[in-house]
PDB file of N, CA and C in Angstrom:
ATOM      1  N   MET A   1       9.597 -12.502   6.418  1.00  0.00           N
ATOM      2  CA  MET A   1       9.444 -12.240   7.451  1.00  0.00           C
ATOM      3  C   MET A   1      10.382 -12.081   8.034  1.00  0.00           C
ATOM      4  N   LYS A   2      10.106 -10.664   9.104  1.00  0.00           N
ATOM      5  CA  LYS A   2      10.796  -9.981  10.056  1.00  0.00           C
ATOM      6  C   LYS A   2      10.923 -10.753  11.363  1.00  0.00           C
ATOM      7  N   ARG A   3      12.741 -10.927  11.241  1.00  0.00           N
ATOM      8  CA  ARG A   3      13.054 -11.607  13.386  1.00  0.00           C
ATOM      9  C   ARG A   3      14.350 -10.129  14.247  1.00  0.00           C
ATOM     10  N   ASN A   4      13.708  -9.525  15.165  1.00  0.00           N
ATOM     11  CA  ASN A   4      13.688  -8.335  15.382  1.00  0.00           C
ATOM     12  C   ASN A   4      14.548  -9.526  17.462  1.00  0.00           C
ATOM     13  N   LYS A   5      16.259  -8.996  17.650  1.00  0.00           N
ATOM     14  CA  LYS A   5      17.081  -9.776  18.424  1.00  0.00           C
ATOM     15  C   LYS A   5      16.860  -8.045  19.301  1.00  0.00           C
ATOM     16  N   ILE A   6      16.550  -7.778  20.821  1.00  0.00           N
ATOM     17  CA  ILE A   6      17.057  -6.189  21.346  1.00  0.00           C
ATOM     18  C   ILE A   6      17.010  -7.785  22.763  1.00  0.00           C
ATOM     19  N   THR A   7      18.746  -6.526  23.025  1.00  0.00           N
ATOM     20  CA  THR A   7      19.365  -6.158  24.684  1.00  0.00           C
ATOM     21  C   THR A   7      18.723  -4.546  25.023  1.00  0.00           C
ATOM     22  N   ASN A   8      19.061  -4.558  26.512  1.00  0.00           N
ATOM     23  CA  ASN A   8      19.555  -3.600  27.275  1.00  0.00           C
ATOM     24  C   ASN A   8      20.475  -3.892  27.944  1.00  0.00           C
ATOM     25  N   PRO A   9      20.954  -2.090  28.541  1.00  0.00           N
ATOM     26  CA  PRO A   9      22.234  -1.975  29.687  1.00  0.00           C
ATOM     27  C   PRO A   9      22.269  -3.550  30.455  1.00  0.00           C
ATOM     28  N   LEU A  10      20.610  -3.889  31.307  1.00  0.00           N
ATOM     29  CA  LEU A  10      20.923  -5.050  31.853  1.00  0.00           C
ATOM     30  C   LEU A  10      20.577  -6.722  31.480  1.00  0.00           C
ATOM     31  N   LYS A  11      20.761  -6.623  30.333  1.00  0.00           N
ATOM     32  CA  LYS A  11      21.116  -7.890  29.751  1.00  0.00           C
ATOM     33  C   LYS A  11      19.584  -8.371  29.234  1.00  0.00           C
ATOM     34  N   ALA A  12      19.010  -7.665  29.523  1.00  0.00           N
ATOM     35  CA  ALA A  12      17.986  -7.929  28.755  1.00  0.00           C
ATOM     36  C   ALA A  12      17.537  -8.491  28.263  1.00  0.00           C
ATOM     37  N   GLN A  13      17.267  -9.734  27.016  1.00  0.00           N
ATOM     38  CA  GLN A  13      16.313  -9.981  26.439  1.00  0.00           C
ATOM     39  C   GLN A  13      15.381 -10.032  26.128  1.00  0.00           C
ATOM     40  N   TYR A  14      14.809  -9.754  24.722  1.00  0.00           N
ATOM     41  CA  TYR A  14      13.735  -9.469  24.257  1.00  0.00           C
ATOM     42  C   TYR A  14      13.983  -9.977  22.389  1.00  0.00           C
ATOM     43  N   ASP A  15      13.247 -11.199  21.631  1.00  0.00           N
ATOM     44  CA  ASP A  15      13.284 -12.531  20.393  1.00  0.00           C
ATOM     45  C   ASP A  15      11.660 -11.837  19.725  1.00  0.00           C
ATOM     46  N   GLY A  16      11.936 -11.018  18.750  1.00  0.00           N
ATOM     47  CA  GLY A  16      10.844 -10.701  18.646  1.00  0.00           C
ATOM     48  C   GLY A  16      10.200 -11.582  17.253  1.00  0.00           C
ATOM     49  N   TYR A  17       9.215 -11.553  16.476  1.00  0.00           N
ATOM     50  CA  TYR A  17       9.180 -11.794  14.778  1.00  0.00           C
ATOM     51  C   TYR A  17       8.144 -11.634  14.504  1.00  0.00           C
ATOM     52  N   LYS A  18       7.673 -11.462  13.180  1.00  0.00           N
ATOM     53  CA  LYS A  18       6.135 -11.113  12.437  1.00  0.00           C
ATOM     54  C   LYS A  18       5.313 -12.066  12.006  1.00  0.00           C
ATOM     55  N   SER A  19       5.411 -13.200  12.198  1.00  0.00           N
ATOM     56  CA  SER A  19       4.922 -13.956  11.621  1.00  0.00           C
ATOM     57  C   SER A  19       5.454 -16.412  12.449  1.00  0.00           C
ATOM     58  N   GLU A  20       4.292 -16.427  12.355  1.00  0.00           N
ATOM     59  CA  GLU A  20       3.299 -16.830  13.549  1.00  0.00           C
ATOM     60  C   GLU A  20       3.891 -18.739  13.005  1.00  0.00           C
ATOM     61  N   LYS A  21       4.380 -18.378  11.919  1.00  0.00           N
ATOM     62  CA  LYS A  21       5.059 -19.813  11.289  1.00  0.00           C
ATOM     63  C   LYS A  21       6.137 -20.404  11.301  1.00  0.00           C
ATOM     64  N   ASP A  22       6.653 -18.961  12.141  1.00  0.00           N
ATOM     65  CA  ASP A  22       8.909 -19.256  11.863  1.00  0.00           C
ATOM     66  C   ASP A  22       8.667 -19.817  13.120  1.00  0.00           C
ATOM     67  N   SER A  23       9.474 -21.604  13.303  1.00  0.00           N
ATOM     68  CA  SER A  23       9.756 -22.518  14.724  1.00  0.00           C
ATOM     69  C   SER A  23      11.400 -21.650  14.911  1.00  0.00           C
ATOM     70  N   TRP A  24      11.333 -20.698  13.789  1.00  0.00           N
ATOM     71  CA  TRP A  24      13.396 -20.055  14.347  1.00  0.00           C
ATOM     72  C   TRP A  24      13.288 -20.045  15.919  1.00  0.00           C
ATOM     73  N   ASN A  25      13.981 -19.661  16.707  1.00  0.00           N
ATOM     74  CA  ASN A  25      14.211 -19.781  17.636  1.00  0.00           C
ATOM     75  C   ASN A  25      15.793 -19.671  18.752  1.00  0.00           C
ATOM     76  N   PRO A  26      16.972 -19.333  17.565  1.00  0.00           N
ATOM     77  CA  PRO A  26      18.257 -19.471  17.585  1.00  0.00           C
ATOM     78  C   PRO A  26      18.670 -18.369  19.128  1.00  0.00           C
ATOM     79  N   LYS A  27      19.406 -19.520  20.145  1.00  0.00           N
ATOM     80  CA  LYS A  27      20.177 -18.484  21.321  1.00  0.00           C
ATOM     81  C   LYS A  27      20.912 -18.438  20.974  1.00  0.00           C
ATOM     82  N   TRP A  28      21.546 -16.891  22.016  1.00  0.00           N
ATOM     83  CA  TRP A  28      22.583 -15.748  21.489  1.00  0.00           C
ATOM     84  C   TRP A  28      22.991 -15.230  23.147  1.00  0.00           C
ATOM     85  N   LYS A  29      23.699 -14.616  22.746  1.00  0.00           N
ATOM     86  CA  LYS A  29      24.495 -14.480  24.394  1.00  0.00           C
ATOM     87  C   LYS A  29      24.293 -13.041  24.333  1.00  0.00           C
ATOM     88  N   THR A  30      25.021 -12.143  25.783  1.00  0.00           N
ATOM     89  CA  THR A  30      25.637 -10.814  25.485  1.00  0.00           C
ATOM     90  C   THR A  30      25.480 -10.111  26.839  1.00  0.00           C
ATOM     91  N   ALA A  31      26.541  -9.458  27.105  1.00  0.00           N
ATOM     92  CA  ALA A  31      27.242  -9.784  27.830  1.00  0.00           C
ATOM     93  C   ALA A  31      27.261  -7.430  27.327  1.00  0.00           C
ATOM     94  N   THR A  32      27.332  -6.737  28.810  1.00  0.00           N
ATOM     95  CA  THR A  32      27.086  -5.706  28.714  1.00  0.00           C
ATOM     96  C   THR A  32      28.238  -4.795  29.280  1.00  0.00           C
ATOM     97  N   ALA A  33      28.778  -4.002  29.423  1.00  0.00           N
ATOM     98  CA  ALA A  33      29.424  -2.842  30.583  1.00  0.00           C
ATOM     99  C   ALA A  33      28.629  -1.359  30.762  1.00  0.00           C
ATOM    100  N   ILE A  34      28.371  -1.045  32.103  1.00  0.00           N
ATOM    101  CA  ILE A  34      28.120   0.430  31.776  1.00  0.00           C
ATOM    102  C   ILE A  34      28.853   1.328  32.248  1.00  0.00           C
ATOM    103  N   GLY A  35      28.970   2.228  31.420  1.00  0.00           N
ATOM    104  CA  GLY A  35      29.836   2.968  31.612  1.00  0.00           C
ATOM    105  C   GLY A  35      29.468   4.768  32.552  1.00  0.00           C
ATOM    106  N   ASP A  36      30.543   5.252  32.393  1.00  0.00           N
ATOM    107  CA  ASP A  36      29.367   6.935  33.828  1.00  0.00           C
ATOM    108  C   ASP A  36      27.958   7.505  32.388  1.00  0.00           C
ATOM    109  N   ALA A  37      29.014   7.044  30.680  1.00  0.00           N
ATOM    110  CA  ALA A  37      28.153   8.121  30.351  1.00  0.00           C
ATOM    111  C   ALA A  37      27.911   7.180  29.021  1.00  0.00           C
ATOM    112  N   HIS A  38      28.275   6.112  28.271  1.00  0.00           N
ATOM    113  CA  HIS A  38      27.546   5.385  27.879  1.00  0.00           C
ATOM    114  C   HIS A  38      27.634   3.783  28.560  1.00  0.00           C
ATOM    115  N   TRP A  39      27.643   2.398  27.470  1.00  0.00           N
ATOM    116  CA  TRP A  39      27.640   1.283  27.616  1.00  0.00           C
ATOM    117  C   TRP A  39      27.730   0.893  26.889  1.00  0.00           C
ATOM    118  N   ASN A  40      28.142  -0.425  26.233  1.00  0.00           N
ATOM    119  CA  ASN A  40      28.766  -1.026  25.695  1.00  0.00           C
ATOM    120  C   ASN A  40      27.664  -2.345  25.124  1.00  0.00           C
ATOM    121  N   VAL A  41      27.705  -3.065  24.088  1.00  0.00           N
ATOM    122  CA  VAL A  41      27.465  -4.272  24.542  1.00  0.00           C
ATOM    123  C   VAL A  41      27.611  -4.955  23.424  1.00  0.00           C
ATOM    124  N   GLU A  42      27.626  -6.614  23.656  1.00  0.00           N
ATOM    125  CA  GLU A  42      28.791  -7.595  22.885  1.00  0.00           C
ATOM    126  C   GLU A  42      27.783  -8.174  22.941  1.00  0.00           C
ATOM    127  N   ILE A  43      27.406  -9.287  21.204  1.00  0.00           N
ATOM    128  CA  ILE A  43      25.973 -10.101  20.680  1.00  0.00           C
ATOM    129  C   ILE A  43      26.429 -10.931  20.640  1.00  0.00           C
ATOM    130  N   SER A  44      26.215 -12.248  20.875  1.00  0.00           N
ATOM    131  CA  SER A  44      27.058 -13.517  20.155  1.00  0.00           C
ATOM    132  C   SER A  44      26.020 -14.505  20.032  1.00  0.00           C
ATOM    133  N   ILE A  45      26.180 -14.929  18.479  1.00  0.00           N
ATOM    134  CA  ILE A  45      25.411 -16.023  18.183  1.00  0.00           C
ATOM    135  C   ILE A  45      26.301 -17.100  16.567  1.00  0.00           C
ATOM    136  N   SER A  46      26.072 -18.343  17.767  1.00  0.00           N
ATOM    137  CA  SER A  46      26.902 -19.328  15.984  1.00  0.00           C
ATOM    138  C   SER A  46      26.750 -19.503  15.326  1.00  0.00           C
ATOM    139  N   PHE A  47      27.316 -19.873  13.915  1.00  0.00           N
ATOM    140  CA  PHE A  47      27.042 -19.917  12.663  1.00  0.00           C
ATOM    141  C   PHE A  47      25.799 -21.220  12.963  1.00  0.00           C
ATOM    142  N   LYS A  48      26.039 -21.905  14.139  1.00  0.00           N
ATOM    143  CA  LYS A  48      24.921 -23.288  13.464  1.00  0.00           C
ATOM    144  C   LYS A  48      23.516 -22.900  13.983  1.00  0.00           C
ATOM    145  N   GLU A  49      23.499 -21.435  15.182  1.00  0.00           N
ATOM    146  CA  GLU A  49      22.414 -21.559  15.603  1.00  0.00           C
ATOM    147  C   GLU A  49      21.282 -20.347  14.120  1.00  0.00           C
ATOM    148  N   LEU A  50      22.972 -19.499  13.160  1.00  0.00           N
ATOM    149  CA  LEU A  50      21.911 -18.367  12.455  1.00  0.00           C
ATOM    150  C   LEU A  50      22.201 -19.537  10.870  1.00  0.00           C
ATOM    151  N   ARG A  51      22.420 -20.859  10.930  1.00  0.00           N
ATOM    152  CA  ARG A  51      21.482 -22.075  10.334  1.00  0.00           C
ATOM    153  C   ARG A  51      22.516 -21.881   8.871  1.00  0.00           C
ATOM    154  N   ALA A  52      23.615 -20.463   9.691  1.00  0.00           N
ATOM    155  CA  ALA A  52      24.734 -21.070   8.004  1.00  0.00           C
ATOM    156  C   ALA A  52      26.206 -22.102   7.921  1.00  0.00           C
ATOM    157  N   ASP A  53      26.713 -22.253   6.986  1.00  0.00           N
ATOM    158  CA  ASP A  53      28.542 -22.605   7.579  1.00  0.00           C
ATOM    159  C   ASP A  53      29.181 -21.418   7.852  1.00  0.00           C
ATOM    160  N   THR A  54      29.720 -21.729   8.236  1.00  0.00           N
ATOM    161  CA  THR A  54      30.912 -21.249   8.916  1.00  0.00           C
ATOM    162  C   THR A  54      31.968 -20.710   6.950  1.00  0.00           C
ATOM    163  N   PRO A  55      31.376 -19.119   7.355  1.00  0.00           N
ATOM    164  CA  PRO A  55      31.357 -18.082   5.494  1.00  0.00           C
ATOM    165  C   PRO A  55      33.116 -18.796   6.032  1.00  0.00           C
ATOM    166  N   ARG A  56      32.838 -18.095   4.792  1.00  0.00           N
ATOM    167  CA  ARG A  56      34.782 -18.938   4.249  1.00  0.00           C
ATOM    168  C   ARG A  56      34.949 -16.925   4.058  1.00  0.00           C
ATOM    169  N   PRO A  57      36.449 -17.068   3.741  1.00  0.00           N
ATOM    170  CA  PRO A  57      36.945 -15.570   3.503  1.00  0.00           C
ATOM    171  C   PRO A  57      36.881 -14.930   2.132  1.00  0.00           C
ATOM    172  N   GLY A  58      36.645 -13.435   2.450  1.00  0.00           N
ATOM    173  CA  GLY A  58      35.542 -13.208   1.057  1.00  0.00           C
ATOM    174  C   GLY A  58      34.358 -13.169   0.946  1.00  0.00           C
ATOM    175  N   GLN A  59      34.030 -13.591   2.054  1.00  0.00           N
ATOM    176  CA  GLN A  59      32.234 -13.900   1.704  1.00  0.00           C
ATOM    177  C   GLN A  59      31.751 -12.838   2.188  1.00  0.00           C
ATOM    178  N   VAL A  60      30.095 -11.919   1.821  1.00  0.00           N
ATOM    179  CA  VAL A  60      29.523 -11.323   1.778  1.00  0.00           C
ATOM    180  C   VAL A  60      28.582 -10.975   2.122  1.00  0.00           C
ATOM    181  N   TRP A  61      27.670 -10.774   3.937  1.00  0.00           N
ATOM    182  CA  TRP A  61      26.343 -10.388   3.955  1.00  0.00           C
ATOM    183  C   TRP A  61      25.945  -9.445   4.405  1.00  0.00           C
ATOM    184  N   GLY A  62      24.282  -9.116   3.680  1.00  0.00           N
ATOM    185  CA  GLY A  62      24.054  -7.819   4.313  1.00  0.00           C
ATOM    186  C   GLY A  62      23.738  -7.911   5.734  1.00  0.00           C
ATOM    187  N   PHE A  63      24.104  -6.748   6.281  1.00  0.00           N
ATOM    188  CA  PHE A  63      24.535  -6.424   7.936  1.00  0.00           C
ATOM    189  C   PHE A  63      23.353  -5.224   9.038  1.00  0.00           C
ATOM    190  N   ASN A  64      22.824  -5.666   9.470  1.00  0.00           N
ATOM    191  CA  ASN A  64      22.782  -4.126  10.297  1.00  0.00           C
ATOM    192  C   ASN A  64      22.431  -4.248  12.099  1.00  0.00           C
ATOM    193  N   LEU A  65      22.646  -2.939  12.139  1.00  0.00           N
ATOM    194  CA  LEU A  65      22.803  -2.696  14.060  1.00  0.00           C
ATOM    195  C   LEU A  65      21.888  -1.382  13.795  1.00  0.00           C
ATOM    196  N   THR A  66      20.610  -1.346  14.750  1.00  0.00           N
ATOM    197  CA  THR A  66      19.535  -0.093  15.082  1.00  0.00           C
ATOM    198  C   THR A  66      19.817  -0.365  16.353  1.00  0.00           C
ATOM    199  N   ARG A  67      19.637   1.081  16.518  1.00  0.00           N
ATOM    200  CA  ARG A  67      19.199   1.286  18.397  1.00  0.00           C
ATOM    201  C   ARG A  67      17.940   2.270  18.623  1.00  0.00           C
ATOM    202  N   ALA A  68      17.715   1.848  20.160  1.00  0.00           N
ATOM    203  CA  ALA A  68      15.992   3.047  19.544  1.00  0.00           C
ATOM    204  C   ALA A  68      16.417   3.380  21.863  1.00  0.00           C
ATOM    205  N   ARG A  69      16.302   4.937  21.552  1.00  0.00           N
ATOM    206  CA  ARG A  69      16.527   4.885  23.069  1.00  0.00           C
ATOM    207  C   ARG A  69      14.989   6.257  23.286  1.00  0.00           C
ATOM    208  N   ARG A  70      15.392   5.935  23.840  1.00  0.00           N
ATOM    209  CA  ARG A  70      14.040   7.233  24.791  1.00  0.00           C
ATOM    210  C   ARG A  70      14.390   7.832  25.701  1.00  0.00           C
ATOM    211  N   ALA A  71      14.002   8.929  26.145  1.00  0.00           N
ATOM    212  CA  ALA A  71      14.999  10.331  26.713  1.00  0.00           C
ATOM    213  C   ALA A  71      13.701  10.681  26.434  1.00  0.00           C
ATOM    214  N   GLY A  72      12.770  11.036  26.616  1.00  0.00           N
ATOM    215  CA  GLY A  72      12.249  12.302  26.725  1.00  0.00           C
ATOM    216  C   GLY A  72      11.299  11.267  25.294  1.00  0.00           C
ATOM    217  N   GLU A  73      12.241  11.970  23.594  1.00  0.00           N
ATOM    218  CA  GLU A  73      11.885  11.611  22.626  1.00  0.00           C
ATOM    219  C   GLU A  73      12.333  10.588  21.834  1.00  0.00           C
ATOM    220  N   LEU A  74      12.010   9.706  21.160  1.00  0.00           N
ATOM    221  CA  LEU A  74      13.110   8.612  21.312  1.00  0.00           C
ATOM    222  C   LEU A  74      14.077   9.011  19.226  1.00  0.00           C
ATOM    223  N   GLU A  75      14.995   8.544  20.147  1.00  0.00           N
ATOM    224  CA  GLU A  75      15.752   8.538  18.803  1.00  0.00           C
ATOM    225  C   GLU A  75      16.436   7.287  18.502  1.00  0.00           C
ATOM    226  N   ILE A  76      16.547   6.622  16.902  1.00  0.00           N
ATOM    227  CA  ILE A  76      16.747   5.744  16.562  1.00  0.00           C
ATOM    228  C   ILE A  76      18.317   6.219  15.534  1.00  0.00           C
ATOM    229  N   SER A  77      18.423   5.597  16.509  1.00  0.00           N
ATOM    230  CA  SER A  77      19.969   5.164  15.346  1.00  0.00           C
ATOM    231  C   SER A  77      20.433   3.703  14.502  1.00  0.00           C
ATOM    232  N   GLY A  78      21.651   4.124  12.839  1.00  0.00           N
ATOM    233  CA  GLY A  78      21.742   2.636  13.119  1.00  0.00           C
ATOM    234  C   GLY A  78      22.849   2.862  12.439  1.00  0.00           C
ATOM    235  N   TRP A  79      23.713   1.245  12.319  1.00  0.00           N
ATOM    236  CA  TRP A  79      25.163   1.121  11.520  1.00  0.00           C
ATOM    237  C   TRP A  79      24.712   2.090  10.341  1.00  0.00           C
ATOM    238  N   SER A  80      23.884   1.137   9.542  1.00  0.00           N
ATOM    239  CA  SER A  80      23.598   1.498   7.695  1.00  0.00           C
ATOM    240  C   SER A  80      22.459   2.373   8.272  1.00  0.00           C
ATOM    241  N   PHE A  81      22.441   3.577   7.103  1.00  0.00           N
ATOM    242  CA  PHE A  81      21.087   3.765   6.755  1.00  0.00           C
ATOM    243  C   PHE A  81      20.300   3.479   6.246  1.00  0.00           C
ATOM    244  N   VAL A  82      19.057   3.309   6.512  1.00  0.00           N
ATOM    245  CA  VAL A  82      17.959   2.447   5.737  1.00  0.00           C
ATOM    246  C   VAL A  82      16.910   3.088   5.188  1.00  0.00           C
ATOM    247  N   ASN A  83      17.220   4.261   5.683  1.00  0.00           N
ATOM    248  CA  ASN A  83      16.077   5.802   5.089  1.00  0.00           C
ATOM    249  C   ASN A  83      14.415   4.517   5.288  1.00  0.00           C
ATOM    250  N   GLY A  84      13.920   4.805   6.968  1.00  0.00           N
ATOM    251  CA  GLY A  84      12.227   4.265   7.061  1.00  0.00           C
ATOM    252  C   GLY A  84      13.110   3.148   7.407  1.00  0.00           C
ATOM    253  N   SER A  85      12.723   1.892   7.061  1.00  0.00           N
ATOM    254  CA  SER A  85      12.022   0.666   7.773  1.00  0.00           C
ATOM    255  C   SER A  85      13.398  -0.333   7.867  1.00  0.00           C
ATOM    256  N   ASN A  86      14.074  -0.509   9.267  1.00  0.00           N
ATOM    257  CA  ASN A  86      15.092  -1.256   9.703  1.00  0.00           C
ATOM    258  C   ASN A  86      14.826  -2.438   9.066  1.00  0.00           C
ATOM    259  N   HIS A  87      12.991  -2.835   8.621  1.00  0.00           N
ATOM    260  CA  HIS A  87      13.169  -4.270   8.004  1.00  0.00           C
ATOM    261  C   HIS A  87      13.860  -4.023   6.308  1.00  0.00           C
ATOM    262  N   THR A  88      14.753  -3.140   5.992  1.00  0.00           N
ATOM    263  CA  THR A  88      14.744  -3.245   4.486  1.00  0.00           C
ATOM    264  C   THR A  88      16.652  -3.928   3.361  1.00  0.00           C
ATOM    265  N   PRO A  89      15.690  -5.030   4.060  1.00  0.00           N
ATOM    266  CA  PRO A  89      17.097  -6.151   3.847  1.00  0.00           C
ATOM    267  C   PRO A  89      18.724  -5.106   2.878  1.00  0.00           C
ATOM    268  N   GLU A  90      18.283  -4.105   1.579  1.00  0.00           N
ATOM    269  CA  GLU A  90      18.986  -4.348   0.449  1.00  0.00           C
ATOM    270  C   GLU A  90      19.178  -3.076   0.718  1.00  0.00           C
ATOM    271  N   ARG A  91      19.175  -2.227   1.626  1.00  0.00           N
ATOM    272  CA  ARG A  91      19.667  -1.182   2.221  1.00  0.00           C
ATOM    273  C   ARG A  91      21.343  -1.694   3.440  1.00  0.00           C
ATOM    274  N   PHE A  92      21.171  -2.769   3.352  1.00  0.00           N
ATOM    275  CA  PHE A  92      21.807  -2.824   4.993  1.00  0.00           C
ATOM    276  C   PHE A  92      23.129  -2.130   4.638  1.00  0.00           C
ATOM    277  N   GLY A  93      24.430  -2.482   5.317  1.00  0.00           N
ATOM    278  CA  GLY A  93      25.446  -2.238   5.146  1.00  0.00           C
ATOM    279  C   GLY A  93      26.059  -4.437   4.934  1.00  0.00           C
ATOM    280  N   TYR A  94      27.116  -4.535   4.246  1.00  0.00           N
ATOM    281  CA  TYR A  94      27.813  -5.373   4.791  1.00  0.00           C
ATOM    282  C   TYR A  94      29.324  -5.882   5.471  1.00  0.00           C
ATOM    283  N   LEU A  95      29.197  -6.936   5.768  1.00  0.00           N
ATOM    284  CA  LEU A  95      30.217  -7.833   6.064  1.00  0.00           C
ATOM    285  C   LEU A  95      30.994  -8.657   5.723  1.00  0.00           C
ATOM    286  N   ILE A  96      32.093  -7.995   5.386  1.00  0.00           N
ATOM    287  CA  ILE A  96      33.276  -8.746   4.834  1.00  0.00           C
ATOM    288  C   ILE A  96      33.502 -10.155   5.699  1.00  0.00           C
ATOM    289  N   PHE A  97      33.882 -11.054   5.885  1.00  0.00           N
ATOM    290  CA  PHE A  97      34.759 -12.014   6.248  1.00  0.00           C
ATOM    291  C   PHE A  97      36.402 -12.352   5.732  1.00  0.00           C
ATOM    292  N   LYS A  98      36.855 -12.696   6.488  1.00  0.00           N
ATOM    293  CA  LYS A  98      38.839 -12.342   6.430  1.00  0.00           C
ATOM    294  C   LYS A  98      38.221 -14.210   6.784  1.00  0.00           C
TER     295      LYS A  98
END
């Protein structure tokens, strides 16, 4: 199943998935700040909403963030280069909890 959590500088939220059988719909929060030539976003989702225990120190999770921008031609960038589909977990980067 593929899940998407999408937001923008105005804090609009979109939650998409590709399986009609999926009932997982976690609560999440966003905070944004708009600058002269940039914008920042902070996203918060609890481990409980992720249906996960609080990670132990040293635990590793696969993780990725993707940015899509359309100012003329579509520009897509990501924290972890996936070389194609953004739904390729084996190519994600790693979060190592401390």
